[in-house]
Amino acid sequence: MLIEIKVPSVGESVTEALLAQLFKSDGDLVKNDEPLFVIETDKVTLEVVAEAGGVLSIKVAEGETVVIGAVVGTLDTDAAAKTADEPVVAKGEEEVEATPASAGPIEPTGPESTTESTPAAPAAKVTEPAAASQEPVAEAPVFHRGEGVQFAPSVRRLMA
């Protein structure tokens, strides 16, 4: 079954949005509630998630302006069921075999080992906060036009 992925309505006066970022590529297998893309308007930045699991087909490129309600892509749920059956079994067998070899750290079993390791763990926790408190405190942030600064979509358009 094909499910259309549409640009959701984000407000009464909003008629179009910018497809700001795509998280998935055309032909990718996506799960239910997995983020697909981000849309931006003058008022809102919204992350759109998949309504169901399936194979994604994208019809609009990143950076394009789209009308509210427009179809951005489709999800083919039938193709996901066919492609998911075979690889999942193969991956499951490989993961089961790899699990014992990559198991976590081996804990000591002797009585002498456990008494020695018990006091060492709390001592390490006590010294960490002392080292962190010696770092200099940062000054108040300075707002300027730079790489790390996050502005609202409407402000970014005005600056451009």
N, C-alpha and C. Protein backbone atom coordinates (compact mmCIF):
# COMPACT_ATOMS: atom_id res chain seq x y z
N MET A 1 0.83 -1.17 0.00
CA MET A 1 0.00 0.00 0.00
C MET A 1 0.89 1.25 0.00
N LEU A 2 0.55 2.22 -0.82
CA LEU A 2 1.29 3.47 -0.87
C LEU A 2 0.64 4.49 0.05
N ILE A 3 1.44 5.09 0.91
CA ILE A 3 0.98 6.15 1.81
C ILE A 3 1.66 7.44 1.38
N GLU A 4 0.87 8.48 1.12
CA GLU A 4 1.43 9.77 0.71
C GLU A 4 1.93 10.52 1.93
N ILE A 5 3.10 11.14 1.78
CA ILE A 5 3.66 11.97 2.83
C ILE A 5 3.41 13.41 2.41
N LYS A 6 2.57 14.11 3.16
CA LYS A 6 2.18 15.48 2.82
C LYS A 6 2.77 16.47 3.80
N VAL A 7 2.93 17.72 3.35
CA VAL A 7 3.39 18.80 4.22
C VAL A 7 2.22 19.14 5.14
N PRO A 8 2.41 19.02 6.45
CA PRO A 8 1.30 19.28 7.38
C PRO A 8 1.00 20.77 7.51
N SER A 9 -0.24 21.06 7.87
CA SER A 9 -0.65 22.44 8.12
C SER A 9 -0.07 22.87 9.47
N VAL A 10 0.58 24.03 9.49
CA VAL A 10 1.22 24.49 10.72
C VAL A 10 0.58 25.75 11.28
N GLY A 11 -0.34 26.32 10.56
CA GLY A 11 -1.00 27.53 11.04
C GLY A 11 -2.01 28.03 10.04
N GLU A 12 -2.88 28.88 10.50
CA GLU A 12 -3.97 29.37 9.66
C GLU A 12 -3.49 30.22 8.49
N SER A 13 -2.53 31.07 8.71
CA SER A 13 -2.09 31.99 7.66
C SER A 13 -0.88 31.49 6.87
N VAL A 14 -0.36 30.33 7.21
CA VAL A 14 0.82 29.79 6.55
C VAL A 14 0.39 29.00 5.31
N THR A 15 0.95 29.38 4.14
CA THR A 15 0.55 28.72 2.89
C THR A 15 1.67 27.91 2.26
N GLU A 16 2.92 28.17 2.64
CA GLU A 16 4.03 27.43 2.07
C GLU A 16 5.14 27.25 3.10
N ALA A 17 6.02 26.30 2.82
CA ALA A 17 7.12 25.98 3.73
C ALA A 17 8.35 25.60 2.93
N LEU A 18 9.49 25.70 3.55
CA LEU A 18 10.77 25.32 2.95
C LEU A 18 11.14 23.94 3.45
N LEU A 19 11.44 23.02 2.54
CA LEU A 19 11.93 21.69 2.92
C LEU A 19 13.40 21.87 3.27
N ALA A 20 13.67 22.08 4.54
CA ALA A 20 14.99 22.49 5.00
C ALA A 20 16.01 21.36 5.01
N GLN A 21 15.62 20.17 5.48
CA GLN A 21 16.59 19.09 5.63
C GLN A 21 15.90 17.75 5.46
N LEU A 22 16.51 16.87 4.69
CA LEU A 22 16.04 15.50 4.52
C LEU A 22 16.91 14.59 5.38
N PHE A 23 16.29 13.73 6.17
CA PHE A 23 17.03 12.79 7.00
C PHE A 23 17.26 11.46 6.29
N LYS A 24 16.43 11.14 5.31
CA LYS A 24 16.49 9.87 4.60
C LYS A 24 16.66 10.12 3.10
N SER A 25 17.17 9.13 2.40
CA SER A 25 17.35 9.19 0.95
C SER A 25 16.24 8.44 0.25
N ASP A 26 16.13 8.64 -1.05
CA ASP A 26 15.15 7.94 -1.85
C ASP A 26 15.48 6.44 -1.84
N GLY A 27 14.50 5.60 -1.52
CA GLY A 27 14.70 4.16 -1.49
C GLY A 27 15.08 3.61 -0.13
N ASP A 28 15.24 4.45 0.88
CA ASP A 28 15.60 3.99 2.23
C ASP A 28 14.42 3.30 2.90
N LEU A 29 14.71 2.35 3.75
CA LEU A 29 13.71 1.67 4.55
C LEU A 29 13.55 2.46 5.84
N VAL A 30 12.32 2.89 6.14
CA VAL A 30 12.07 3.68 7.35
C VAL A 30 11.09 2.94 8.25
N LYS A 31 11.16 3.25 9.53
CA LYS A 31 10.28 2.65 10.53
C LYS A 31 9.18 3.65 10.89
N ASN A 32 8.15 3.15 11.56
CA ASN A 32 7.07 4.00 12.03
C ASN A 32 7.61 5.03 13.02
N ASP A 33 7.19 6.28 12.90
CA ASP A 33 7.58 7.41 13.76
C ASP A 33 9.06 7.78 13.62
N GLU A 34 9.72 7.39 12.57
CA GLU A 34 11.12 7.77 12.33
C GLU A 34 11.13 9.12 11.61
N PRO A 35 11.99 10.08 12.02
CA PRO A 35 12.03 11.39 11.38
C PRO A 35 12.41 11.29 9.90
N LEU A 36 11.67 12.01 9.05
CA LEU A 36 11.93 11.98 7.61
C LEU A 36 12.57 13.27 7.12
N PHE A 37 11.99 14.42 7.50
CA PHE A 37 12.50 15.70 7.04
C PHE A 37 12.06 16.82 7.97
N VAL A 38 12.65 18.02 7.76
CA VAL A 38 12.32 19.21 8.52
C VAL A 38 11.77 20.25 7.56
N ILE A 39 10.64 20.87 7.94
CA ILE A 39 10.12 21.99 7.16
C ILE A 39 10.24 23.26 8.00
N GLU A 40 10.44 24.38 7.32
CA GLU A 40 10.55 25.67 8.00
C GLU A 40 9.58 26.65 7.38
N THR A 41 8.91 27.42 8.23
CA THR A 41 8.08 28.52 7.78
C THR A 41 8.59 29.77 8.50
N ASP A 42 7.89 30.88 8.30
CA ASP A 42 8.28 32.11 9.01
C ASP A 42 8.09 31.98 10.51
N LYS A 43 7.18 31.12 10.91
CA LYS A 43 6.83 31.01 12.32
C LYS A 43 7.29 29.72 12.99
N VAL A 44 7.46 28.65 12.23
CA VAL A 44 7.67 27.32 12.83
C VAL A 44 8.74 26.54 12.08
N THR A 45 9.50 25.76 12.83
CA THR A 45 10.37 24.73 12.27
C THR A 45 9.81 23.41 12.80
N LEU A 46 9.46 22.49 11.87
CA LEU A 46 8.75 21.27 12.26
C LEU A 46 9.42 20.05 11.67
N GLU A 47 9.59 19.01 12.49
CA GLU A 47 10.13 17.73 12.05
C GLU A 47 8.97 16.81 11.71
N VAL A 48 8.95 16.27 10.49
CA VAL A 48 7.88 15.38 10.05
C VAL A 48 8.37 13.93 10.16
N VAL A 49 7.53 13.08 10.75
CA VAL A 49 7.88 11.67 10.97
C VAL A 49 7.04 10.76 10.08
N ALA A 50 7.50 9.54 9.91
CA ALA A 50 6.80 8.56 9.08
C ALA A 50 5.55 8.07 9.79
N GLU A 51 4.45 7.96 9.04
CA GLU A 51 3.19 7.48 9.60
C GLU A 51 3.21 5.96 9.76
N ALA A 52 4.02 5.29 8.96
CA ALA A 52 4.12 3.83 9.00
C ALA A 52 5.50 3.43 8.50
N GLY A 53 5.85 2.19 8.67
CA GLY A 53 7.11 1.69 8.15
C GLY A 53 6.98 1.37 6.67
N GLY A 54 8.06 1.58 5.93
CA GLY A 54 8.02 1.28 4.50
C GLY A 54 9.26 1.77 3.78
N VAL A 55 9.23 1.62 2.45
CA VAL A 55 10.32 2.09 1.61
C VAL A 55 9.96 3.49 1.14
N LEU A 56 10.86 4.44 1.36
CA LEU A 56 10.61 5.86 1.08
C LEU A 56 10.91 6.20 -0.36
N SER A 57 10.02 6.96 -0.97
CA SER A 57 10.22 7.52 -2.30
C SER A 57 10.03 9.02 -2.19
N ILE A 58 11.09 9.79 -2.44
CA ILE A 58 11.06 11.25 -2.28
C ILE A 58 10.79 11.91 -3.62
N LYS A 59 9.87 12.89 -3.62
CA LYS A 59 9.50 13.59 -4.85
C LYS A 59 9.95 15.04 -4.87
N VAL A 60 10.40 15.58 -3.74
CA VAL A 60 10.82 16.98 -3.65
C VAL A 60 12.25 17.02 -3.12
N ALA A 61 13.07 17.87 -3.70
CA ALA A 61 14.47 17.98 -3.29
C ALA A 61 14.61 18.90 -2.07
N GLU A 62 15.69 18.69 -1.32
CA GLU A 62 15.99 19.52 -0.17
C GLU A 62 16.23 20.96 -0.62
N GLY A 63 15.68 21.92 0.13
CA GLY A 63 15.86 23.33 -0.18
C GLY A 63 14.74 23.92 -1.03
N GLU A 64 13.80 23.12 -1.47
CA GLU A 64 12.68 23.62 -2.28
C GLU A 64 11.56 24.13 -1.39
N THR A 65 10.81 25.11 -1.92
CA THR A 65 9.64 25.62 -1.23
C THR A 65 8.44 24.82 -1.70
N VAL A 66 7.63 24.34 -0.75
CA VAL A 66 6.47 23.51 -1.05
C VAL A 66 5.22 24.13 -0.46
N VAL A 67 4.08 23.88 -1.08
CA VAL A 67 2.79 24.37 -0.61
C VAL A 67 2.29 23.45 0.50
N ILE A 68 1.61 24.02 1.49
CA ILE A 68 1.04 23.22 2.57
C ILE A 68 0.05 22.22 1.96
N GLY A 69 0.18 20.97 2.34
CA GLY A 69 -0.68 19.90 1.81
C GLY A 69 -0.10 19.20 0.60
N ALA A 70 1.03 19.69 0.06
CA ALA A 70 1.65 19.07 -1.11
C ALA A 70 2.26 17.72 -0.73
N VAL A 71 2.29 16.81 -1.70
CA VAL A 71 2.88 15.49 -1.48
C VAL A 71 4.40 15.59 -1.67
N VAL A 72 5.13 15.27 -0.62
CA VAL A 72 6.59 15.34 -0.64
C VAL A 72 7.18 13.99 -1.06
N GLY A 73 6.48 12.91 -0.74
CA GLY A 73 6.96 11.58 -1.08
C GLY A 73 5.92 10.54 -0.74
N THR A 74 6.31 9.28 -0.90
CA THR A 74 5.41 8.17 -0.57
C THR A 74 6.16 7.10 0.22
N LEU A 75 5.39 6.32 0.97
CA LEU A 75 5.91 5.17 1.69
C LEU A 75 5.22 3.93 1.15
N ASP A 76 6.01 2.97 0.67
CA ASP A 76 5.47 1.71 0.16
C ASP A 76 5.59 0.67 1.26
N THR A 77 4.49 0.40 1.95
CA THR A 77 4.52 -0.55 3.07
C THR A 77 4.65 -1.99 2.61
N ASP A 78 4.16 -2.32 1.41
CA ASP A 78 4.27 -3.69 0.89
C ASP A 78 5.72 -4.03 0.54
N ALA A 79 6.44 -3.10 -0.04
CA ALA A 79 7.85 -3.33 -0.39
C ALA A 79 8.69 -3.50 0.86
N ALA A 80 8.33 -2.80 1.93
CA ALA A 80 9.08 -2.91 3.19
C ALA A 80 8.95 -4.31 3.77
N ALA A 81 7.76 -4.89 3.66
CA ALA A 81 7.55 -6.24 4.20
C ALA A 81 8.38 -7.27 3.43
N LYS A 82 8.47 -7.11 2.12
CA LYS A 82 9.24 -8.05 1.30
C LYS A 82 10.73 -7.92 1.56
N THR A 83 11.26 -6.70 1.62
CA THR A 83 12.70 -6.50 1.81
C THR A 83 13.12 -6.73 3.26
N ALA A 84 12.21 -6.53 4.19
CA ALA A 84 12.57 -6.67 5.60
C ALA A 84 12.65 -8.12 6.04
N ASP A 85 11.92 -9.03 5.40
CA ASP A 85 11.91 -10.42 5.84
C ASP A 85 13.26 -11.11 5.69
N GLU A 86 13.86 -11.06 4.54
CA GLU A 86 15.10 -11.79 4.29
C GLU A 86 16.31 -11.21 5.02
N PRO A 87 16.63 -9.91 4.90
CA PRO A 87 17.82 -9.39 5.57
C PRO A 87 17.75 -9.47 7.09
N VAL A 88 16.57 -9.34 7.68
CA VAL A 88 16.47 -9.36 9.13
C VAL A 88 16.89 -10.71 9.68
N VAL A 89 16.53 -11.80 9.02
CA VAL A 89 16.91 -13.14 9.48
C VAL A 89 18.43 -13.30 9.40
N ALA A 90 19.03 -12.85 8.30
CA ALA A 90 20.48 -12.97 8.15
C ALA A 90 21.20 -12.13 9.18
N LYS A 91 20.74 -10.90 9.43
CA LYS A 91 21.38 -10.05 10.42
C LYS A 91 21.22 -10.63 11.81
N GLY A 92 20.05 -11.17 12.11
CA GLY A 92 19.80 -11.75 13.43
C GLY A 92 20.75 -12.89 13.74
N GLU A 93 21.03 -13.75 12.74
CA GLU A 93 21.95 -14.86 12.96
C GLU A 93 23.37 -14.36 13.19
N GLU A 94 23.78 -13.34 12.43
CA GLU A 94 25.13 -12.80 12.61
C GLU A 94 25.28 -12.14 13.98
N GLU A 95 24.24 -11.41 14.42
CA GLU A 95 24.32 -10.73 15.70
C GLU A 95 24.37 -11.72 16.85
N VAL A 96 23.65 -12.84 16.75
CA VAL A 96 23.65 -13.85 17.81
C VAL A 96 25.03 -14.47 17.93
N GLU A 97 25.68 -14.73 16.80
CA GLU A 97 27.02 -15.31 16.84
C GLU A 97 28.04 -14.32 17.37
N ALA A 98 27.88 -13.04 17.07
CA ALA A 98 28.85 -12.02 17.48
C ALA A 98 28.69 -11.64 18.95
N THR A 99 27.53 -11.83 19.54
CA THR A 99 27.27 -11.39 20.89
C THR A 99 28.20 -12.02 21.93
N PRO A 100 28.42 -13.33 21.96
CA PRO A 100 29.32 -13.89 22.98
C PRO A 100 30.76 -13.38 22.85
N ALA A 101 31.24 -13.17 21.66
CA ALA A 101 32.61 -12.72 21.48
C ALA A 101 32.77 -11.26 21.91
N SER A 102 31.72 -10.46 21.74
CA SER A 102 31.83 -9.05 22.08
C SER A 102 31.13 -8.72 23.39
N ALA A 103 31.05 -9.68 24.28
CA ALA A 103 30.38 -9.46 25.56
C ALA A 103 31.14 -8.41 26.36
N GLY A 104 30.50 -7.83 27.33
CA GLY A 104 31.07 -6.76 28.14
C GLY A 104 32.27 -7.23 28.93
N PRO A 105 32.82 -6.37 29.77
CA PRO A 105 34.02 -6.72 30.54
C PRO A 105 33.73 -7.84 31.52
N ILE A 106 34.73 -8.67 31.72
CA ILE A 106 34.60 -9.80 32.63
C ILE A 106 34.84 -9.29 34.05
N GLU A 107 33.90 -9.60 34.92
CA GLU A 107 34.03 -9.14 36.30
C GLU A 107 34.76 -10.20 37.11
N PRO A 108 35.57 -9.80 38.07
CA PRO A 108 36.30 -10.76 38.90
C PRO A 108 35.32 -11.56 39.76
N THR A 109 35.68 -12.83 40.01
CA THR A 109 34.80 -13.70 40.78
C THR A 109 35.33 -14.02 42.16
N GLY A 110 36.57 -13.77 42.41
CA GLY A 110 37.17 -14.10 43.71
C GLY A 110 36.77 -13.10 44.78
N PRO A 111 36.78 -13.50 46.07
CA PRO A 111 36.40 -12.59 47.15
C PRO A 111 37.40 -11.44 47.32
N GLU A 112 38.70 -11.69 47.04
CA GLU A 112 39.69 -10.63 47.18
C GLU A 112 39.47 -9.54 46.13
N SER A 113 39.07 -9.93 44.91
CA SER A 113 38.89 -8.98 43.82
C SER A 113 37.73 -8.04 44.09
N THR A 114 36.66 -8.54 44.66
CA THR A 114 35.49 -7.70 44.86
C THR A 114 35.72 -6.67 45.96
N THR A 115 36.46 -6.99 46.99
CA THR A 115 36.69 -6.01 48.05
C THR A 115 37.65 -4.93 47.59
N GLU A 116 38.58 -5.25 46.71
CA GLU A 116 39.51 -4.24 46.22
C GLU A 116 38.83 -3.27 45.27
N SER A 117 37.94 -3.76 44.41
CA SER A 117 37.33 -2.89 43.41
C SER A 117 36.21 -2.04 44.00
N THR A 118 35.60 -2.43 45.09
CA THR A 118 34.49 -1.67 45.66
C THR A 118 34.91 -0.29 46.15
N PRO A 119 35.99 -0.11 46.94
CA PRO A 119 36.37 1.23 47.37
C PRO A 119 36.88 2.11 46.23
N ALA A 120 37.45 1.53 45.18
CA ALA A 120 38.02 2.32 44.10
C ALA A 120 36.93 3.06 43.32
N ALA A 121 35.78 2.46 43.13
CA ALA A 121 34.71 3.10 42.35
C ALA A 121 34.20 4.37 43.02
N PRO A 122 33.88 4.41 44.32
CA PRO A 122 33.42 5.66 44.92
C PRO A 122 34.49 6.73 44.94
N ALA A 123 35.75 6.38 45.08
CA ALA A 123 36.82 7.37 45.09
C ALA A 123 36.91 8.08 43.75
N ALA A 124 36.70 7.36 42.65
CA ALA A 124 36.75 7.97 41.33
C ALA A 124 35.60 8.96 41.16
N LYS A 125 34.43 8.64 41.70
CA LYS A 125 33.28 9.53 41.58
C LYS A 125 33.50 10.82 42.36
N VAL A 126 34.19 10.77 43.49
CA VAL A 126 34.42 11.94 44.31
C VAL A 126 35.40 12.89 43.62
N THR A 127 36.43 12.37 42.95
CA THR A 127 37.43 13.23 42.34
C THR A 127 36.94 13.91 41.06
N GLU A 128 35.99 13.33 40.34
CA GLU A 128 35.51 13.93 39.09
C GLU A 128 34.85 15.29 39.30
N PRO A 129 33.94 15.49 40.26
CA PRO A 129 33.35 16.81 40.44
C PRO A 129 34.37 17.86 40.85
N ALA A 130 35.39 17.50 41.60
CA ALA A 130 36.41 18.46 42.00
C ALA A 130 37.17 18.97 40.78
N ALA A 131 37.48 18.11 39.83
CA ALA A 131 38.19 18.52 38.63
C ALA A 131 37.29 19.40 37.76
N ALA A 132 36.01 19.11 37.71
CA ALA A 132 35.08 19.89 36.90
C ALA A 132 34.87 21.28 37.47
N SER A 133 34.91 21.43 38.79
CA SER A 133 34.66 22.74 39.40
C SER A 133 35.84 23.69 39.22
N GLN A 134 37.01 23.21 38.84
CA GLN A 134 38.17 24.07 38.66
C GLN A 134 38.22 24.73 37.29
N GLU A 135 37.33 24.32 36.36
CA GLU A 135 37.31 24.92 35.03
C GLU A 135 36.77 26.34 35.12
N PRO A 136 37.27 27.26 34.27
CA PRO A 136 36.78 28.64 34.31
C PRO A 136 35.33 28.72 33.86
N VAL A 137 34.61 29.65 34.42
CA VAL A 137 33.21 29.85 34.08
C VAL A 137 33.13 30.74 32.85
N ALA A 138 32.32 30.34 31.87
CA ALA A 138 32.18 31.11 30.63
C ALA A 138 31.39 32.38 30.90
N GLU A 139 31.72 33.43 30.16
CA GLU A 139 31.00 34.69 30.28
C GLU A 139 29.65 34.57 29.59
N ALA A 140 28.82 35.58 29.75
CA ALA A 140 27.51 35.58 29.11
C ALA A 140 27.68 35.50 27.60
N PRO A 141 26.79 34.79 26.91
CA PRO A 141 26.93 34.64 25.46
C PRO A 141 26.78 35.97 24.72
N VAL A 142 27.58 36.12 23.69
CA VAL A 142 27.51 37.30 22.84
C VAL A 142 26.79 36.88 21.57
N PHE A 143 25.70 37.59 21.23
CA PHE A 143 24.92 37.25 20.06
C PHE A 143 25.46 37.98 18.85
N HIS A 144 25.89 37.21 17.88
CA HIS A 144 26.42 37.76 16.64
C HIS A 144 26.09 36.82 15.51
N ARG A 145 26.35 37.22 14.31
CA ARG A 145 26.06 36.40 13.14
C ARG A 145 27.23 35.43 12.94
N GLY A 146 27.01 34.17 13.31
CA GLY A 146 28.09 33.20 13.22
C GLY A 146 27.56 31.81 12.96
N GLU A 147 28.46 30.84 12.94
CA GLU A 147 28.14 29.45 12.62
C GLU A 147 27.26 28.79 13.67
N GLY A 148 27.55 28.97 14.96
CA GLY A 148 26.86 28.24 16.00
C GLY A 148 25.58 28.89 16.49
N VAL A 149 25.22 30.05 15.98
CA VAL A 149 24.05 30.77 16.46
C VAL A 149 22.80 30.27 15.74
N GLN A 150 21.74 30.02 16.50
CA GLN A 150 20.47 29.55 15.94
C GLN A 150 19.47 30.70 15.92
N PHE A 151 19.05 31.12 14.73
CA PHE A 151 18.05 32.16 14.58
C PHE A 151 16.75 31.54 14.09
N ALA A 152 15.65 32.23 14.31
CA ALA A 152 14.36 31.80 13.79
C ALA A 152 14.40 31.86 12.27
N PRO A 153 13.60 31.04 11.58
CA PRO A 153 13.62 31.04 10.11
C PRO A 153 13.32 32.41 9.50
N SER A 154 12.41 33.16 10.10
CA SER A 154 12.08 34.49 9.55
C SER A 154 13.27 35.45 9.70
N VAL A 155 14.03 35.35 10.78
CA VAL A 155 15.21 36.20 10.98
C VAL A 155 16.29 35.84 9.96
N ARG A 156 16.48 34.54 9.70
CA ARG A 156 17.48 34.11 8.71
C ARG A 156 17.15 34.64 7.33
N ARG A 157 15.86 34.66 6.97
CA ARG A 157 15.48 35.19 5.66
C ARG A 157 15.73 36.68 5.58
N LEU A 158 15.47 37.40 6.66
CA LEU A 158 15.73 38.85 6.68
C LEU A 158 17.23 39.14 6.56
N MET A 159 18.05 38.35 7.23
CA MET A 159 19.50 38.54 7.15
C MET A 159 20.02 38.23 5.77
N ALA A 160 19.44 37.23 5.11
CA ALA A 160 19.90 36.86 3.76
C ALA A 160 19.54 37.95 2.78
